[in-house]
């Protein structure tokens, strides 16, 4: 049972929003940093606009870049439904974040790569290039912010192929019940997690529709983030272990890098 005309990409974009229906807790950080820097702001891997639309609603000029047209379509719908957003305050671009437009280079005061999006670049060299691209997008004195998951050993032990039910929710758009099940494998040599996500949705008693995706996620360490930032001409201002930018240590489950572009 599916929504009429819905493609796999459309379904996965819709289910991504359902997956993040519970607040990730990071939006206040980006609003606070935007308050420090002002605009314009650029968000790489903007997805369905979860961060970019509230920033635009708060009065900032925002550019959002993503390769996924289905995600961008949801971002445009989210933008259209947002009250008090000035037309043109959020520009959504379907493009490769590693190949920014020349007119965007050096003009932003804040560049954001949120909620583990860096991990979607499955090679160390690609992740370094993303940091380089972000540095080129901000003006001297501008800030770059990257949020990357830092799993604990117990998290990695569970990545042995076992299936794990993460949640059961009702999708407010379709009215159907949805379950999310995941299975992951971790390769310590490459620091790559191969993660398969299975969504099943149905009306009670009906045969469920199944949507699946597989991602290769390369874990990026806090040390790598700091090294890449330095190599890109950024000065690390803070390395937080949470969205309040509390100190990062070995027990932190994420690294939130805030770095400033050097130069005048």
Protein backbone atom coordinates (compact mmCIF):
# COMPACT_ATOMS: atom_id res chain seq x y z
CA UNK A 1 0.00 0.00 0.00
CA UNK A 2 1.66 3.23 -1.15
CA UNK A 3 0.79 6.85 -1.75
CA UNK A 4 -0.34 7.23 -5.37
CA UNK A 5 2.55 8.14 -7.63
CA UNK A 6 5.09 8.07 -4.82
CA UNK A 7 8.57 6.99 -5.87
CA UNK A 8 11.15 5.37 -3.62
CA UNK A 9 12.97 8.71 -3.34
CA UNK A 10 9.73 10.50 -2.42
CA UNK A 11 8.91 7.89 0.22
CA UNK A 12 12.37 7.99 1.77
CA UNK A 13 12.24 11.79 1.96
CA UNK A 14 8.85 11.62 3.68
CA UNK A 15 10.06 8.94 6.08
CA UNK A 16 13.21 10.94 6.82
CA UNK A 17 10.97 13.67 8.20
CA UNK A 18 9.03 11.11 10.23
CA UNK A 19 12.33 9.75 11.57
CA UNK A 20 13.20 13.26 12.78
CA UNK A 21 9.74 14.04 14.12
CA UNK A 22 11.32 13.91 17.56
CA UNK A 23 13.44 17.06 17.87
CA UNK A 24 17.12 16.40 17.26
CA UNK A 25 17.91 19.24 19.67
CA UNK A 26 20.31 21.12 17.41
CA UNK A 27 18.20 23.96 16.04
CA UNK A 28 18.76 26.30 18.99
CA UNK A 29 22.52 26.03 18.40
CA UNK A 30 22.22 27.16 14.79
CA UNK A 31 19.85 29.99 15.68
CA UNK A 32 22.30 31.17 18.34
CA UNK A 33 25.24 31.04 15.93
CA UNK A 34 23.19 32.88 13.30
CA UNK A 35 22.50 35.53 15.92
CA UNK A 36 26.26 35.95 16.38
CA UNK A 37 27.20 36.06 12.72
CA UNK A 38 24.18 37.40 10.91
CA UNK A 39 23.66 36.31 7.32
CA UNK A 40 23.91 35.22 4.65
CA UNK A 41 23.98 31.57 5.73
CA UNK A 42 24.64 28.44 3.65
CA UNK A 43 23.61 24.93 4.65
CA UNK A 44 25.17 21.98 2.86
CA UNK A 45 23.05 18.81 2.58
CA UNK A 46 20.01 20.91 3.42
CA UNK A 47 17.66 17.92 3.03
CA UNK A 48 14.02 18.70 3.74
CA UNK A 49 14.77 22.12 5.24
CA UNK A 50 14.54 21.16 8.90
CA UNK A 51 17.24 23.72 9.80
CA UNK A 52 17.19 26.12 6.84
CA UNK A 53 13.49 26.99 6.96
CA UNK A 54 13.51 28.06 10.65
CA UNK A 55 16.63 30.16 9.96
CA UNK A 56 14.85 31.86 7.07
CA UNK A 57 11.77 32.31 9.25
CA UNK A 58 14.02 34.02 11.82
CA UNK A 59 14.89 36.61 9.19
CA UNK A 60 18.18 35.34 7.74
CA UNK A 61 19.12 35.03 4.09
CA UNK A 62 19.83 31.32 3.56
CA UNK A 63 21.12 29.18 0.69
CA UNK A 64 20.48 25.43 0.94
CA UNK A 65 22.36 22.94 -1.26
CA UNK A 66 21.49 19.28 -1.82
CA UNK A 67 21.70 16.66 -4.58
CA UNK A 68 18.42 14.93 -3.71
CA UNK A 69 15.47 16.43 -5.65
CA UNK A 70 12.91 14.62 -3.49
CA UNK A 71 14.38 16.13 -0.33
CA UNK A 72 14.44 19.57 -1.94
CA UNK A 73 10.80 19.19 -2.98
CA UNK A 74 9.89 18.61 0.66
CA UNK A 75 12.00 21.60 1.68
CA UNK A 76 10.06 23.78 -0.78
CA UNK A 77 6.76 22.53 0.65
CA UNK A 78 8.02 23.21 4.18
CA UNK A 79 9.04 26.70 3.09
CA UNK A 80 5.67 27.35 1.44
CA UNK A 81 3.92 26.37 4.67
CA UNK A 82 6.09 28.53 6.91
CA UNK A 83 4.49 31.76 8.07
CA UNK A 84 6.37 35.06 7.99
CA UNK A 85 9.11 33.92 5.59
CA UNK A 86 10.05 36.62 3.11
CA UNK A 87 10.03 35.31 -0.47
CA UNK A 88 13.60 34.79 -1.61
CA UNK A 89 15.01 34.52 1.90
CA UNK A 90 15.73 30.82 1.30
CA UNK A 91 17.22 29.72 -2.01
CA UNK A 92 17.25 25.95 -2.53
CA UNK A 93 19.76 24.61 -5.04
CA UNK A 94 20.07 21.11 -6.48
CA UNK A 95 23.84 20.76 -6.76
CA UNK A 96 26.92 18.90 -5.57
CA UNK A 97 28.13 20.49 -2.33
CA UNK A 98 31.70 19.82 -3.45
CA UNK A 99 31.17 22.11 -6.45
CA UNK A 100 29.73 25.35 -5.05
CA UNK A 101 28.69 28.17 -7.37
CA UNK A 102 31.36 30.80 -7.88
CA UNK A 103 29.00 33.54 -6.74
CA UNK A 104 28.60 31.82 -3.36
CA UNK A 105 32.33 31.69 -2.61
CA UNK A 106 33.46 33.89 0.26
CA UNK A 107 30.11 35.59 0.82
CA UNK A 108 28.51 33.73 3.74
CA UNK A 109 28.89 34.45 7.43
CA UNK A 110 27.87 30.97 8.56
CA UNK A 111 28.17 27.56 6.87
CA UNK A 112 26.37 24.56 8.38
CA UNK A 113 26.73 20.82 7.86
CA UNK A 114 24.30 19.36 10.36
CA UNK A 115 23.33 16.06 11.97
CA UNK A 116 25.91 13.59 10.64
CA UNK A 117 25.68 14.69 7.02
CA UNK A 118 29.48 14.58 6.79
CA UNK A 119 29.28 10.80 7.32
CA UNK A 120 27.40 10.41 4.03
CA UNK A 121 30.68 11.11 2.22
CA UNK A 122 32.12 7.58 2.51
CA UNK A 123 35.81 8.34 2.02
CA UNK A 124 38.25 10.32 4.14
CA UNK A 125 39.40 12.36 1.16
CA UNK A 126 35.82 13.35 0.31
CA UNK A 127 35.15 14.44 3.88
CA UNK A 128 38.27 16.61 3.80
CA UNK A 129 37.07 18.16 0.54
CA UNK A 130 33.72 18.99 2.16
CA UNK A 131 35.50 20.93 4.91
CA UNK A 132 37.59 22.70 2.27
CA UNK A 133 34.42 23.63 0.37
CA UNK A 134 32.78 25.02 3.50
CA UNK A 135 35.84 27.15 4.24
CA UNK A 136 35.67 28.62 0.74
CA UNK A 137 32.00 29.50 1.13
CA UNK A 138 32.45 31.77 4.15
CA UNK A 139 33.91 35.25 4.29
CA UNK A 140 36.97 35.97 6.44
CA UNK A 141 35.78 35.84 10.04
CA UNK A 142 32.81 33.67 9.08
CA UNK A 143 31.97 30.48 10.96
CA UNK A 144 31.87 26.85 9.80
CA UNK A 145 29.87 24.36 11.91
CA UNK A 146 30.00 20.58 11.49
CA UNK A 147 28.13 18.00 13.59
CA UNK A 148 29.44 14.41 13.43
CA UNK A 149 28.43 11.32 15.41
CA UNK A 150 31.14 9.85 17.66
CA UNK A 151 30.03 6.31 18.55
CA UNK A 152 31.10 4.69 21.77
CA UNK A 153 32.61 1.16 21.72
CA UNK A 154 29.28 -0.31 22.80
CA UNK A 155 27.63 1.29 19.76
CA UNK A 156 30.14 -0.29 17.40
CA UNK A 157 29.78 -3.74 18.97
CA UNK A 158 26.10 -3.71 18.04
CA UNK A 159 26.97 -3.11 14.38
CA UNK A 160 27.32 -6.83 13.64
CA UNK A 161 24.44 -7.30 11.21
CA UNK A 162 21.72 -7.83 13.79
CA UNK A 163 18.31 -6.32 13.08
CA UNK A 164 17.12 -3.71 15.54
CA UNK A 165 13.65 -2.17 15.73
CA UNK A 166 14.14 1.56 16.32
CA UNK A 167 10.57 2.81 16.46
CA UNK A 168 6.88 2.42 15.61
CA UNK A 169 5.09 5.65 14.68
CA UNK A 170 2.02 6.87 12.85
CA UNK A 171 2.76 9.01 9.82
CA UNK A 172 0.53 12.10 10.02
CA UNK A 173 0.67 12.52 6.24
CA UNK A 174 -0.46 9.04 5.24
CA UNK A 175 -2.23 8.03 8.44
CA UNK A 176 -0.42 4.68 8.32
CA UNK A 177 1.64 2.94 10.96
CA UNK A 178 5.36 2.86 10.18
CA UNK A 179 8.15 0.79 11.70
CA UNK A 180 11.84 1.53 11.28
CA UNK A 181 14.30 -1.38 11.49
CA UNK A 182 18.05 -1.08 10.95
CA UNK A 183 21.00 -3.40 10.44
CA UNK A 184 24.60 -2.21 10.37
CA UNK A 185 28.10 -3.58 9.80
CA UNK A 186 31.23 -1.78 10.98
CA UNK A 187 34.60 -2.15 9.24
CA UNK A 188 37.27 -1.04 11.72
CA UNK A 189 39.91 -0.83 8.99
CA UNK A 190 38.07 1.76 6.93
CA UNK A 191 35.89 3.19 9.75
CA UNK A 192 32.90 2.66 7.46
CA UNK A 193 29.46 1.65 8.71
CA UNK A 194 27.25 -0.03 6.12
CA UNK A 195 23.75 0.74 7.34
CA UNK A 196 20.58 -0.77 5.91
CA UNK A 197 17.32 0.91 6.93
CA UNK A 198 13.96 -0.79 6.41
CA UNK A 199 10.69 1.12 6.70
CA UNK A 200 7.43 -0.81 6.65
CA UNK A 201 4.09 0.98 6.63
CA UNK A 202 0.48 -0.13 6.44
CA UNK A 203 -3.03 0.31 7.71
CA UNK A 204 -3.69 -2.07 10.62
CA UNK A 205 -4.19 -5.57 9.22
CA UNK A 206 -3.02 -4.73 5.68
CA UNK A 207 0.06 -6.04 3.90
CA UNK A 208 2.80 -3.48 4.56
CA UNK A 209 4.70 -1.56 1.93
CA UNK A 210 8.45 -1.83 2.42
CA UNK A 211 11.00 0.85 1.64
CA UNK A 212 14.71 0.20 2.07
CA UNK A 213 17.94 2.12 1.70
CA UNK A 214 21.60 1.28 2.28
CA UNK A 215 24.19 3.90 3.17
CA UNK A 216 27.96 3.76 3.58
CA UNK A 217 28.82 6.09 6.44
CA UNK A 218 32.43 6.90 7.21
CA UNK A 219 33.02 7.86 10.83
CA UNK A 220 35.08 11.04 11.12
CA UNK A 221 36.97 11.53 14.38
CA UNK A 222 37.20 14.78 16.30
CA UNK A 223 40.95 14.85 15.61
CA UNK A 224 40.28 14.61 11.88
CA UNK A 225 37.75 17.44 12.02
CA UNK A 226 40.25 19.70 13.75
CA UNK A 227 43.05 18.76 11.34
CA UNK A 228 40.89 19.31 8.25
CA UNK A 229 39.72 22.66 9.59
CA UNK A 230 43.30 23.81 10.11
CA UNK A 231 44.29 22.65 6.64
CA UNK A 232 41.40 24.62 5.14
CA UNK A 233 42.49 27.90 6.73
CA UNK A 234 40.06 27.70 9.64
CA UNK A 235 40.81 28.37 13.29
CA UNK A 236 38.97 26.03 15.66
CA UNK A 237 36.96 28.15 18.05
CA UNK A 238 35.20 25.34 19.91
CA UNK A 239 34.93 21.57 19.80
CA UNK A 240 31.76 20.70 21.64
CA UNK A 241 30.53 17.32 22.77
CA UNK A 242 26.86 18.32 22.60
CA UNK A 243 24.57 21.00 21.21
CA UNK A 244 25.21 23.23 24.20
CA UNK A 245 28.89 23.14 23.15
CA UNK A 246 29.92 21.52 26.39
CA UNK A 247 33.52 20.24 26.34
CA UNK A 248 34.27 17.28 24.07
CA UNK A 249 35.75 14.22 25.78
CA UNK A 250 35.91 10.46 25.37
CA UNK A 251 32.33 10.01 26.54
CA UNK A 252 30.83 12.46 24.02
CA UNK A 253 28.57 10.86 21.43
CA UNK A 254 29.11 13.65 18.92
CA UNK A 255 31.64 16.28 17.96
CA UNK A 256 30.35 19.74 17.09
CA UNK A 257 33.12 21.74 15.45
CA UNK A 258 32.85 25.52 15.33
CA UNK A 259 35.70 27.10 13.36
CA UNK A 260 36.38 30.60 12.06
CA UNK A 261 37.88 31.43 8.67
CA UNK A 262 41.16 33.27 9.00
CA UNK A 263 42.03 36.34 6.95
CA UNK A 264 40.80 39.84 6.46
